């Protein structure tokens, strides 16, 4: 059975986790006897093929997971259950769990577009990438008040709009204010009076 293994250096959430210059496509021909084997066998085959192509990055099959047709496949599931001839199978890194040393010291950044947890002890001038203005949702258009030239039409694209500011994380929330029109009371001109009459 012929399968196409695609590796883009992303994790199961779509985040880039390694510096991969080009997408790696590997065409593999697996025997029918593999259909009852676990998916981990396919991941081991991918690691062997990938390592022979790019010796700089070492991958571990146990830290990878297959995704096919938008469905994450568990490593212990059978190959024949999910994969068929000429399927595209995306090879992704599993979720990396970060363990906080002291969760009491963690604070949530209040800057627009950041929303990361940080420790004040490690906060510095280049720690936070954020937007100066708040978000604007107008119909199907989504953009940041400070970056009106960068418009997104879906939530995924909106979250990936490049930030425009760099600085320290902050816990001070800025009030979001709508711009107010200046209203001036002026008497009508003679031409305006005549137009009304």
N, C-alpha and C. Protein backbone atom coordinates (compact mmCIF):
# COMPACT_ATOMS: atom_id res chain seq x y z
N UNK A 1 0.85 -1.18 0.00
CA UNK A 1 0.00 0.00 0.00
C UNK A 1 0.89 1.24 0.00
N UNK A 2 0.61 2.17 -0.92
CA UNK A 2 1.41 3.38 -1.05
C UNK A 2 0.79 4.50 -0.20
N UNK A 3 1.62 5.13 0.65
CA UNK A 3 1.18 6.23 1.51
C UNK A 3 2.14 7.40 1.36
N UNK A 4 1.65 8.60 1.63
CA UNK A 4 2.47 9.81 1.56
C UNK A 4 2.58 10.39 2.95
N UNK A 5 3.80 10.40 3.49
CA UNK A 5 4.05 10.93 4.83
C UNK A 5 4.56 12.36 4.69
N UNK A 6 3.88 13.29 5.34
CA UNK A 6 4.19 14.72 5.22
C UNK A 6 4.60 15.26 6.58
N UNK A 7 5.79 15.87 6.63
CA UNK A 7 6.30 16.44 7.88
C UNK A 7 6.62 17.90 7.66
N UNK A 8 6.01 18.78 8.48
CA UNK A 8 6.23 20.23 8.36
C UNK A 8 6.85 20.83 9.61
N UNK A 9 7.23 19.98 10.57
CA UNK A 9 7.84 20.48 11.80
C UNK A 9 6.84 21.12 12.74
N UNK A 10 5.56 20.69 12.67
CA UNK A 10 4.51 21.29 13.50
C UNK A 10 4.06 20.30 14.57
N UNK A 11 3.42 20.87 15.62
CA UNK A 11 2.83 20.01 16.64
C UNK A 11 1.36 19.77 16.34
N UNK A 12 0.67 19.04 17.21
CA UNK A 12 -0.72 18.68 16.96
C UNK A 12 -1.66 19.88 16.95
N UNK A 13 -1.19 21.04 17.44
CA UNK A 13 -2.00 22.25 17.44
C UNK A 13 -1.70 23.15 16.24
N UNK A 14 -0.74 22.73 15.41
CA UNK A 14 -0.39 23.52 14.23
C UNK A 14 0.72 24.52 14.47
N UNK A 15 1.33 24.52 15.66
CA UNK A 15 2.43 25.44 15.97
C UNK A 15 3.74 24.86 15.45
N UNK A 16 4.60 25.74 14.92
CA UNK A 16 5.93 25.31 14.47
C UNK A 16 6.78 25.02 15.68
N UNK A 17 7.35 23.82 15.74
CA UNK A 17 8.18 23.46 16.89
C UNK A 17 9.64 23.22 16.53
N UNK A 18 9.94 23.23 15.24
CA UNK A 18 11.34 23.09 14.84
C UNK A 18 11.59 23.92 13.58
N UNK A 19 12.84 24.27 13.39
CA UNK A 19 13.22 25.13 12.26
C UNK A 19 13.40 24.29 11.01
N UNK A 20 12.33 24.05 10.31
CA UNK A 20 12.37 23.24 9.09
C UNK A 20 12.25 24.18 7.90
N UNK A 21 13.25 24.15 7.00
CA UNK A 21 13.24 25.07 5.86
C UNK A 21 12.17 24.70 4.85
N UNK A 22 12.09 23.43 4.50
CA UNK A 22 11.12 22.97 3.51
C UNK A 22 10.30 21.82 4.06
N UNK A 23 9.08 21.71 3.57
CA UNK A 23 8.20 20.61 3.93
C UNK A 23 8.84 19.31 3.42
N UNK A 24 8.74 18.26 4.20
CA UNK A 24 9.32 16.96 3.83
C UNK A 24 8.20 16.00 3.44
N UNK A 25 8.20 15.56 2.20
CA UNK A 25 7.22 14.58 1.70
C UNK A 25 7.96 13.27 1.42
N UNK A 26 7.50 12.20 2.04
CA UNK A 26 8.11 10.89 1.84
C UNK A 26 7.04 9.92 1.36
N UNK A 27 7.30 9.30 0.22
CA UNK A 27 6.38 8.29 -0.31
C UNK A 27 6.88 6.93 0.15
N UNK A 28 6.00 6.19 0.84
CA UNK A 28 6.39 4.86 1.32
C UNK A 28 5.45 3.80 0.77
N UNK A 29 6.01 2.64 0.55
CA UNK A 29 5.23 1.49 0.08
C UNK A 29 5.29 0.45 1.19
N UNK A 30 4.18 0.25 1.89
CA UNK A 30 4.20 -0.70 3.00
C UNK A 30 3.50 -2.00 2.59
N UNK A 31 3.98 -3.12 3.09
CA UNK A 31 3.35 -4.40 2.74
C UNK A 31 1.99 -4.56 3.44
N UNK A 32 1.13 -5.37 2.86
CA UNK A 32 -0.20 -5.62 3.44
C UNK A 32 -0.12 -6.27 4.82
N UNK A 33 0.99 -6.92 5.10
CA UNK A 33 1.15 -7.56 6.41
C UNK A 33 1.21 -6.53 7.55
N UNK A 34 1.48 -5.26 7.22
CA UNK A 34 1.57 -4.19 8.21
C UNK A 34 0.19 -3.69 8.64
N UNK A 35 -0.86 -4.01 7.91
CA UNK A 35 -2.18 -3.45 8.19
C UNK A 35 -2.69 -3.76 9.59
N UNK A 36 -2.25 -4.88 10.17
CA UNK A 36 -2.66 -5.24 11.53
C UNK A 36 -1.69 -4.72 12.59
N UNK A 37 -0.61 -4.07 12.16
CA UNK A 37 0.38 -3.54 13.10
C UNK A 37 -0.05 -2.17 13.62
N UNK A 38 0.59 -1.75 14.72
CA UNK A 38 0.29 -0.44 15.31
C UNK A 38 0.88 0.69 14.47
N UNK A 39 0.27 1.86 14.55
CA UNK A 39 0.72 3.04 13.79
C UNK A 39 2.15 3.44 14.16
N UNK A 40 2.58 3.06 15.35
CA UNK A 40 3.93 3.39 15.77
C UNK A 40 4.98 2.79 14.82
N UNK A 41 4.65 1.66 14.21
CA UNK A 41 5.56 1.03 13.24
C UNK A 41 5.74 1.94 12.03
N UNK A 42 4.66 2.59 11.60
CA UNK A 42 4.72 3.53 10.48
C UNK A 42 5.54 4.77 10.86
N UNK A 43 5.39 5.22 12.11
CA UNK A 43 6.17 6.37 12.59
C UNK A 43 7.66 6.03 12.66
N UNK A 44 7.98 4.80 13.08
CA UNK A 44 9.38 4.36 13.10
C UNK A 44 9.97 4.35 11.69
N UNK A 45 9.17 3.90 10.72
CA UNK A 45 9.62 3.90 9.32
C UNK A 45 9.88 5.34 8.86
N UNK A 46 8.98 6.25 9.23
CA UNK A 46 9.17 7.65 8.85
C UNK A 46 10.47 8.20 9.45
N UNK A 47 10.70 7.91 10.74
CA UNK A 47 11.92 8.40 11.40
C UNK A 47 13.16 7.87 10.69
N UNK A 48 13.17 6.60 10.30
CA UNK A 48 14.32 6.03 9.58
C UNK A 48 14.54 6.75 8.25
N UNK A 49 13.45 6.94 7.50
CA UNK A 49 13.56 7.61 6.19
C UNK A 49 14.01 9.06 6.36
N UNK A 50 13.43 9.74 7.33
CA UNK A 50 13.75 11.16 7.55
C UNK A 50 15.20 11.33 8.00
N UNK A 51 15.64 10.47 8.90
CA UNK A 51 17.02 10.54 9.41
C UNK A 51 18.02 10.31 8.28
N UNK A 52 17.69 9.42 7.35
CA UNK A 52 18.61 9.16 6.23
C UNK A 52 18.68 10.37 5.29
N UNK A 53 17.62 11.19 5.27
CA UNK A 53 17.61 12.38 4.42
C UNK A 53 18.24 13.59 5.10
N UNK A 54 17.95 13.79 6.40
CA UNK A 54 18.41 14.96 7.13
C UNK A 54 18.99 14.52 8.47
N UNK A 55 20.30 14.42 8.51
CA UNK A 55 20.94 13.90 9.72
C UNK A 55 21.06 14.94 10.82
N UNK A 56 20.75 16.22 10.52
CA UNK A 56 20.89 17.28 11.52
C UNK A 56 19.85 17.15 12.64
N UNK A 57 18.62 16.80 12.30
CA UNK A 57 17.57 16.71 13.30
C UNK A 57 17.27 15.25 13.62
N UNK A 58 17.32 14.92 14.89
CA UNK A 58 17.02 13.56 15.34
C UNK A 58 15.59 13.53 15.86
N UNK A 59 14.75 12.69 15.28
CA UNK A 59 13.37 12.55 15.72
C UNK A 59 13.19 11.25 16.49
N UNK A 60 12.25 11.26 17.43
CA UNK A 60 11.91 10.09 18.22
C UNK A 60 10.46 9.72 17.90
N UNK A 61 10.23 8.50 17.44
CA UNK A 61 8.89 8.07 17.03
C UNK A 61 7.87 8.18 18.16
N UNK A 62 8.31 8.00 19.40
CA UNK A 62 7.37 8.06 20.53
C UNK A 62 6.87 9.48 20.79
N UNK A 63 7.58 10.49 20.27
CA UNK A 63 7.14 11.88 20.46
C UNK A 63 6.35 12.40 19.26
N UNK A 64 6.06 11.50 18.31
CA UNK A 64 5.32 11.89 17.10
C UNK A 64 3.93 11.26 17.09
N UNK A 65 3.06 11.85 16.29
CA UNK A 65 1.70 11.32 16.14
C UNK A 65 1.25 11.56 14.70
N UNK A 66 0.49 10.63 14.16
CA UNK A 66 -0.01 10.74 12.79
C UNK A 66 -1.38 11.42 12.78
N UNK A 67 -1.62 12.17 11.70
CA UNK A 67 -2.93 12.82 11.51
C UNK A 67 -3.36 12.57 10.08
N UNK A 68 -4.57 12.08 9.91
CA UNK A 68 -5.06 11.77 8.58
C UNK A 68 -6.52 12.20 8.47
N UNK A 69 -6.83 12.99 7.46
CA UNK A 69 -8.20 13.46 7.27
C UNK A 69 -8.69 14.30 8.43
N UNK A 70 -7.78 15.04 9.08
CA UNK A 70 -8.15 15.90 10.21
C UNK A 70 -8.29 15.16 11.53
N UNK A 71 -8.00 13.86 11.55
CA UNK A 71 -8.16 13.06 12.77
C UNK A 71 -6.78 12.63 13.28
N UNK A 72 -6.52 12.89 14.57
CA UNK A 72 -5.28 12.43 15.19
C UNK A 72 -5.41 10.94 15.48
N UNK A 73 -4.41 10.19 15.05
CA UNK A 73 -4.42 8.74 15.20
C UNK A 73 -3.50 8.36 16.36
N UNK A 74 -4.01 7.59 17.31
CA UNK A 74 -3.19 7.15 18.43
C UNK A 74 -2.15 6.15 17.93
N UNK A 75 -0.98 6.16 18.54
CA UNK A 75 0.12 5.31 18.10
C UNK A 75 -0.18 3.82 18.25
N UNK A 76 -1.08 3.46 19.17
CA UNK A 76 -1.38 2.03 19.38
C UNK A 76 -2.51 1.53 18.47
N UNK A 77 -3.12 2.41 17.68
CA UNK A 77 -4.19 1.98 16.77
C UNK A 77 -3.60 1.27 15.55
N UNK A 78 -4.41 0.47 14.90
CA UNK A 78 -3.97 -0.34 13.75
C UNK A 78 -3.85 0.50 12.48
N UNK A 79 -2.84 0.22 11.69
CA UNK A 79 -2.59 0.94 10.44
C UNK A 79 -3.76 0.78 9.48
N UNK A 80 -4.26 -0.43 9.31
CA UNK A 80 -5.33 -0.70 8.35
C UNK A 80 -6.66 -0.07 8.71
N UNK A 81 -6.85 0.33 9.96
CA UNK A 81 -8.11 0.94 10.39
C UNK A 81 -8.29 2.34 9.82
N UNK A 82 -7.21 3.09 9.70
CA UNK A 82 -7.30 4.50 9.34
C UNK A 82 -6.71 4.86 7.97
N UNK A 83 -5.77 4.07 7.49
CA UNK A 83 -5.06 4.45 6.28
C UNK A 83 -5.41 3.54 5.11
N UNK A 84 -5.55 4.14 3.95
CA UNK A 84 -5.82 3.40 2.72
C UNK A 84 -4.89 3.91 1.62
N UNK A 85 -4.90 3.25 0.51
CA UNK A 85 -4.02 3.56 -0.62
C UNK A 85 -4.02 5.06 -0.95
N UNK A 86 -2.82 5.62 -1.10
CA UNK A 86 -2.58 7.01 -1.52
C UNK A 86 -3.07 8.07 -0.52
N UNK A 87 -3.21 7.73 0.74
CA UNK A 87 -3.62 8.72 1.75
C UNK A 87 -2.45 9.62 2.10
N UNK A 88 -2.73 10.90 2.37
CA UNK A 88 -1.74 11.83 2.91
C UNK A 88 -1.79 11.73 4.42
N UNK A 89 -0.65 11.45 5.03
CA UNK A 89 -0.57 11.31 6.48
C UNK A 89 0.40 12.36 7.00
N UNK A 90 -0.10 13.25 7.85
CA UNK A 90 0.73 14.30 8.42
C UNK A 90 1.38 13.78 9.70
N UNK A 91 2.70 13.97 9.79
CA UNK A 91 3.45 13.54 10.96
C UNK A 91 3.65 14.78 11.84
N UNK A 92 3.12 14.72 13.06
CA UNK A 92 3.14 15.87 13.96
C UNK A 92 3.82 15.52 15.28
N UNK A 93 4.33 16.55 15.94
CA UNK A 93 4.89 16.37 17.28
C UNK A 93 3.73 16.35 18.27
N UNK A 94 3.84 15.49 19.27
CA UNK A 94 2.81 15.44 20.31
C UNK A 94 2.87 16.71 21.15
N UNK A 95 1.84 16.90 21.96
CA UNK A 95 1.79 18.07 22.84
C UNK A 95 2.96 18.04 23.80
N UNK A 96 3.64 19.17 23.90
CA UNK A 96 4.74 19.30 24.84
C UNK A 96 4.18 19.95 26.10
N UNK A 97 4.31 19.27 27.23
CA UNK A 97 3.76 19.81 28.47
C UNK A 97 4.87 20.53 29.23
N UNK A 98 4.63 21.79 29.53
CA UNK A 98 5.58 22.58 30.30
C UNK A 98 5.14 22.58 31.76
N UNK A 99 6.04 22.27 32.64
CA UNK A 99 5.72 22.23 34.06
C UNK A 99 6.23 23.51 34.70
N UNK A 100 5.33 24.25 35.29
CA UNK A 100 5.70 25.50 35.95
C UNK A 100 6.34 25.17 37.30
N UNK A 101 7.43 25.83 37.61
CA UNK A 101 8.11 25.55 38.87
C UNK A 101 7.30 26.08 40.05
N UNK A 102 6.74 27.27 39.90
CA UNK A 102 5.93 27.84 40.96
C UNK A 102 4.74 28.56 40.34
N UNK A 103 3.59 27.88 40.25
CA UNK A 103 2.44 28.48 39.57
C UNK A 103 1.92 29.74 40.27
N UNK A 104 2.26 29.93 41.55
CA UNK A 104 1.80 31.13 42.26
C UNK A 104 2.44 32.39 41.68
N UNK A 105 3.64 32.26 41.13
CA UNK A 105 4.35 33.42 40.58
C UNK A 105 3.93 33.74 39.15
N UNK A 106 3.12 32.89 38.54
CA UNK A 106 2.71 33.09 37.15
C UNK A 106 1.58 34.12 37.07
N UNK A 107 1.73 35.08 36.16
CA UNK A 107 0.70 36.09 35.94
C UNK A 107 0.35 36.09 34.46
N UNK A 108 -0.87 36.50 34.15
CA UNK A 108 -1.33 36.55 32.77
C UNK A 108 -1.09 37.95 32.22
N UNK A 109 -0.41 38.04 31.09
CA UNK A 109 -0.11 39.33 30.47
C UNK A 109 -1.41 39.94 29.93
N UNK A 110 -1.58 41.24 30.16
CA UNK A 110 -2.80 41.94 29.77
C UNK A 110 -2.67 42.66 28.43
N UNK A 111 -1.51 42.62 27.82
CA UNK A 111 -1.35 43.30 26.53
C UNK A 111 -2.21 42.63 25.46
N UNK A 112 -2.74 43.47 24.55
CA UNK A 112 -3.55 42.95 23.45
C UNK A 112 -2.71 42.00 22.59
N UNK A 113 -3.24 40.82 22.32
CA UNK A 113 -2.57 39.88 21.43
C UNK A 113 -1.51 39.02 22.08
N UNK A 114 -1.21 39.22 23.37
CA UNK A 114 -0.18 38.41 24.03
C UNK A 114 -0.84 37.28 24.83
N UNK A 115 -1.44 37.62 25.95
CA UNK A 115 -2.16 36.67 26.80
C UNK A 115 -1.32 35.46 27.23
N UNK A 116 -0.02 35.67 27.42
CA UNK A 116 0.85 34.58 27.88
C UNK A 116 1.05 34.69 29.38
N UNK A 117 1.33 33.56 30.01
CA UNK A 117 1.69 33.56 31.43
C UNK A 117 3.16 33.91 31.55
N UNK A 118 3.49 34.70 32.57
CA UNK A 118 4.89 35.08 32.76
C UNK A 118 5.20 35.17 34.24
N UNK A 119 6.48 35.13 34.53
CA UNK A 119 6.97 35.28 35.89
C UNK A 119 7.69 36.62 35.94
N UNK A 120 7.29 37.49 36.85
CA UNK A 120 7.87 38.84 36.93
C UNK A 120 9.38 38.80 37.09
N UNK A 121 9.88 37.76 37.71
CA UNK A 121 11.32 37.60 37.93
C UNK A 121 12.08 37.51 36.61
N UNK A 122 11.44 36.91 35.58
CA UNK A 122 12.09 36.71 34.28
C UNK A 122 11.57 37.67 33.22
N UNK A 123 10.80 38.67 33.60
CA UNK A 123 10.25 39.65 32.66
C UNK A 123 11.36 40.60 32.20
N UNK A 124 11.43 40.88 30.92
CA UNK A 124 12.45 41.80 30.40
C UNK A 124 11.89 42.57 29.21
N UNK A 125 12.66 43.50 28.67
CA UNK A 125 12.19 44.43 27.63
C UNK A 125 11.84 43.76 26.30
N UNK A 126 12.25 42.54 26.07
CA UNK A 126 11.96 41.85 24.81
C UNK A 126 11.05 40.64 25.01
N UNK A 127 10.44 40.52 26.18
CA UNK A 127 9.65 39.32 26.51
C UNK A 127 8.28 39.28 25.84
N UNK A 128 7.65 40.43 25.64
CA UNK A 128 6.26 40.45 25.18
C UNK A 128 6.13 41.01 23.77
N UNK A 129 5.44 40.28 22.92
CA UNK A 129 5.11 40.74 21.57
C UNK A 129 3.61 40.96 21.57
N UNK A 130 3.19 42.22 21.33
CA UNK A 130 1.78 42.54 21.50
C UNK A 130 1.33 43.63 20.53
N UNK A 131 0.03 43.93 20.57
CA UNK A 131 -0.54 45.01 19.77
C UNK A 131 -0.85 46.20 20.67
N UNK A 132 -0.68 47.40 20.14
CA UNK A 132 -0.93 48.62 20.91
C UNK A 132 -2.43 48.89 21.02
N UNK A 133 -3.17 48.62 19.96
CA UNK A 133 -4.62 48.86 19.96
C UNK A 133 -5.39 47.56 20.09
N UNK A 134 -6.64 47.68 20.49
CA UNK A 134 -7.50 46.52 20.69
C UNK A 134 -7.99 45.91 19.39
N UNK A 135 -8.69 44.77 19.50
CA UNK A 135 -9.20 44.09 18.31
C UNK A 135 -10.45 44.77 17.77
N UNK A 136 -10.63 44.70 16.45
CA UNK A 136 -11.82 45.23 15.78
C UNK A 136 -12.44 44.08 14.98
N UNK A 137 -13.73 43.85 15.19
CA UNK A 137 -14.47 42.84 14.45
C UNK A 137 -15.57 43.57 13.68
N UNK A 138 -15.42 43.66 12.37
CA UNK A 138 -16.37 44.39 11.53
C UNK A 138 -16.88 43.45 10.45
N UNK A 139 -18.10 42.96 10.64
CA UNK A 139 -18.62 41.97 9.69
C UNK A 139 -17.76 40.72 9.76
N UNK A 140 -17.20 40.33 8.63
CA UNK A 140 -16.30 39.16 8.63
C UNK A 140 -14.84 39.58 8.72
N UNK A 141 -14.59 40.88 8.75
CA UNK A 141 -13.22 41.38 8.85
C UNK A 141 -12.78 41.46 10.31
N UNK A 142 -11.54 41.02 10.56
CA UNK A 142 -10.96 41.09 11.90
C UNK A 142 -9.58 41.70 11.76
N UNK A 143 -9.30 42.70 12.60
CA UNK A 143 -7.98 43.33 12.58
C UNK A 143 -7.74 44.02 13.91
N UNK A 144 -6.51 44.48 14.10
CA UNK A 144 -6.15 45.20 15.32
C UNK A 144 -6.19 46.70 15.02
N UNK A 145 -6.63 47.49 15.99
CA UNK A 145 -6.77 48.94 15.81
C UNK A 145 -5.44 49.59 15.38
N UNK A 146 -4.33 49.03 15.83
CA UNK A 146 -3.02 49.59 15.51
C UNK A 146 -2.49 49.10 14.16
N UNK A 147 -3.07 48.05 13.61
CA UNK A 147 -2.59 47.45 12.36
C UNK A 147 -3.77 47.27 11.39
N UNK A 148 -4.40 48.37 11.00
CA UNK A 148 -5.62 48.27 10.19
C UNK A 148 -5.36 47.76 8.78
N UNK A 149 -4.10 47.76 8.35
CA UNK A 149 -3.78 47.27 7.01
C UNK A 149 -3.65 45.74 6.96
N UNK A 150 -3.65 45.08 8.12
CA UNK A 150 -3.54 43.62 8.19
C UNK A 150 -4.91 43.06 8.60
N UNK A 151 -5.68 42.63 7.60
CA UNK A 151 -7.05 42.16 7.84
C UNK A 151 -7.12 40.65 7.70
N UNK A 152 -7.84 40.01 8.62
CA UNK A 152 -8.06 38.55 8.56
C UNK A 152 -9.56 38.30 8.41
N UNK A 153 -9.88 37.15 7.83
CA UNK A 153 -11.28 36.80 7.61
C UNK A 153 -11.69 35.53 8.36
N UNK A 154 -10.76 34.94 9.12
CA UNK A 154 -11.11 33.82 9.98
C UNK A 154 -10.26 33.92 11.25
N UNK A 155 -10.72 33.26 12.30
CA UNK A 155 -10.09 33.38 13.61
C UNK A 155 -8.64 32.92 13.60
N UNK A 156 -8.35 31.84 12.90
CA UNK A 156 -6.99 31.30 12.83
C UNK A 156 -6.02 32.35 12.26
N UNK A 157 -6.41 32.98 11.15
CA UNK A 157 -5.57 34.01 10.53
C UNK A 157 -5.43 35.22 11.43
N UNK A 158 -6.52 35.58 12.11
CA UNK A 158 -6.51 36.74 13.01
C UNK A 158 -5.49 36.53 14.13
N UNK A 159 -5.43 35.33 14.69
CA UNK A 159 -4.50 35.04 15.77
C UNK A 159 -3.04 35.08 15.31
N UNK A 160 -2.81 34.91 14.01
CA UNK A 160 -1.44 34.89 13.49
C UNK A 160 -1.01 36.23 12.89
N UNK A 161 -1.82 37.29 13.05
CA UNK A 161 -1.39 38.61 12.57
C UNK A 161 -0.18 39.03 13.38
N UNK A 162 0.88 39.42 12.70
CA UNK A 162 2.13 39.79 13.35
C UNK A 162 1.93 40.98 14.27
N UNK A 163 2.49 40.87 15.47
CA UNK A 163 2.36 41.96 16.45
C UNK A 163 3.23 43.14 16.05
N UNK A 164 2.90 44.32 16.60
CA UNK A 164 3.61 45.53 16.19
C UNK A 164 4.45 46.15 17.32
N UNK A 165 4.36 45.60 18.52
CA UNK A 165 5.09 46.17 19.67
C UNK A 165 5.88 45.07 20.38
N UNK A 166 6.99 45.48 20.98
CA UNK A 166 7.80 44.57 21.80
C UNK A 166 8.13 45.30 23.09
N UNK A 167 7.97 44.62 24.20
CA UNK A 167 8.27 45.24 25.49
C UNK A 167 8.11 44.24 26.62
N UNK A 168 7.99 44.77 27.84
CA UNK A 168 7.79 43.91 29.01
C UNK A 168 6.34 43.46 29.09
N UNK A 169 6.12 42.29 29.68
CA UNK A 169 4.76 41.84 29.97
C UNK A 169 4.16 42.79 31.01
N UNK A 170 2.84 42.90 31.01
CA UNK A 170 2.16 43.78 31.96
C UNK A 170 0.88 43.12 32.46
N UNK A 171 0.48 43.48 33.68
CA UNK A 171 -0.78 42.98 34.23
C UNK A 171 -1.83 44.08 34.28
N UNK A 172 -1.50 45.26 33.77
CA UNK A 172 -2.43 46.39 33.80
C UNK A 172 -3.26 46.37 32.52
N UNK A 173 -4.56 46.20 32.71
CA UNK A 173 -5.48 46.15 31.56
C UNK A 173 -5.81 47.57 31.11
N UNK A 174 -5.71 47.80 29.80
CA UNK A 174 -6.08 49.10 29.23
C UNK A 174 -7.57 49.09 28.96
N UNK A 175 -8.23 50.18 29.28
CA UNK A 175 -9.66 50.29 28.97
C UNK A 175 -9.81 50.45 27.47
N UNK A 176 -10.75 49.71 26.93
CA UNK A 176 -11.02 49.81 25.50
C UNK A 176 -12.08 50.88 25.31
N UNK A 177 -11.74 51.94 24.60
CA UNK A 177 -12.68 53.03 24.39
C UNK A 177 -12.97 53.20 22.92
N UNK A 178 -14.24 53.39 22.62
CA UNK A 178 -14.64 53.67 21.25
C UNK A 178 -14.39 55.14 20.97
N UNK A 179 -13.94 55.48 19.76
CA UNK A 179 -13.71 56.89 19.45
C UNK A 179 -15.04 57.65 19.47
N UNK A 180 -15.01 58.85 20.05
CA UNK A 180 -16.22 59.66 20.16
C UNK A 180 -16.19 60.78 19.13
N UNK A 181 -17.36 61.01 18.54
CA UNK A 181 -17.47 62.10 17.58
C UNK A 181 -17.59 63.42 18.33
N UNK A 182 -16.97 64.43 17.80
CA UNK A 182 -17.09 65.76 18.38
C UNK A 182 -18.33 66.41 17.77
N UNK A 183 -19.27 66.75 18.64
CA UNK A 183 -20.51 67.36 18.17
C UNK A 183 -20.44 68.86 18.42
N UNK A 184 -20.64 69.61 17.37
CA UNK A 184 -20.63 71.07 17.50
C UNK A 184 -21.98 71.60 17.03
N UNK A 185 -22.55 72.48 17.83
CA UNK A 185 -23.81 73.12 17.46
C UNK A 185 -23.50 74.41 16.73
N UNK A 186 -23.85 74.43 15.47
CA UNK A 186 -23.63 75.63 14.66
C UNK A 186 -24.95 76.02 14.01
N UNK A 187 -25.21 77.29 13.95
CA UNK A 187 -26.45 77.72 13.29
C UNK A 187 -26.37 77.44 11.79
N UNK A 188 -27.53 77.19 11.20
CA UNK A 188 -27.59 76.94 9.76
C UNK A 188 -27.24 78.20 8.98
N UNK A 189 -26.59 77.99 7.86
CA UNK A 189 -26.29 79.14 6.99
C UNK A 189 -27.56 79.50 6.22
N UNK A 190 -27.53 80.65 5.56
CA UNK A 190 -28.70 81.11 4.81
C UNK A 190 -29.02 80.13 3.68
N UNK A 191 -28.00 79.56 3.03
CA UNK A 191 -28.21 78.59 1.95
C UNK A 191 -28.88 77.32 2.48
N UNK A 192 -28.49 76.88 3.69
CA UNK A 192 -29.09 75.69 4.28
C UNK A 192 -30.55 75.95 4.65
N UNK A 193 -30.87 77.19 5.14
CA UNK A 193 -32.26 77.56 5.45
C UNK A 193 -33.11 77.51 4.19
N UNK A 194 -32.57 78.01 3.09
CA UNK A 194 -33.32 78.03 1.84
C UNK A 194 -33.53 76.61 1.30
N UNK A 195 -32.55 75.72 1.49
CA UNK A 195 -32.68 74.34 1.01
C UNK A 195 -33.76 73.59 1.78
N UNK A 196 -33.91 73.91 3.05
CA UNK A 196 -34.93 73.25 3.87
C UNK A 196 -36.33 73.74 3.51
N UNK A 197 -36.44 75.03 3.23
CA UNK A 197 -37.76 75.62 2.96
C UNK A 197 -38.33 75.22 1.63
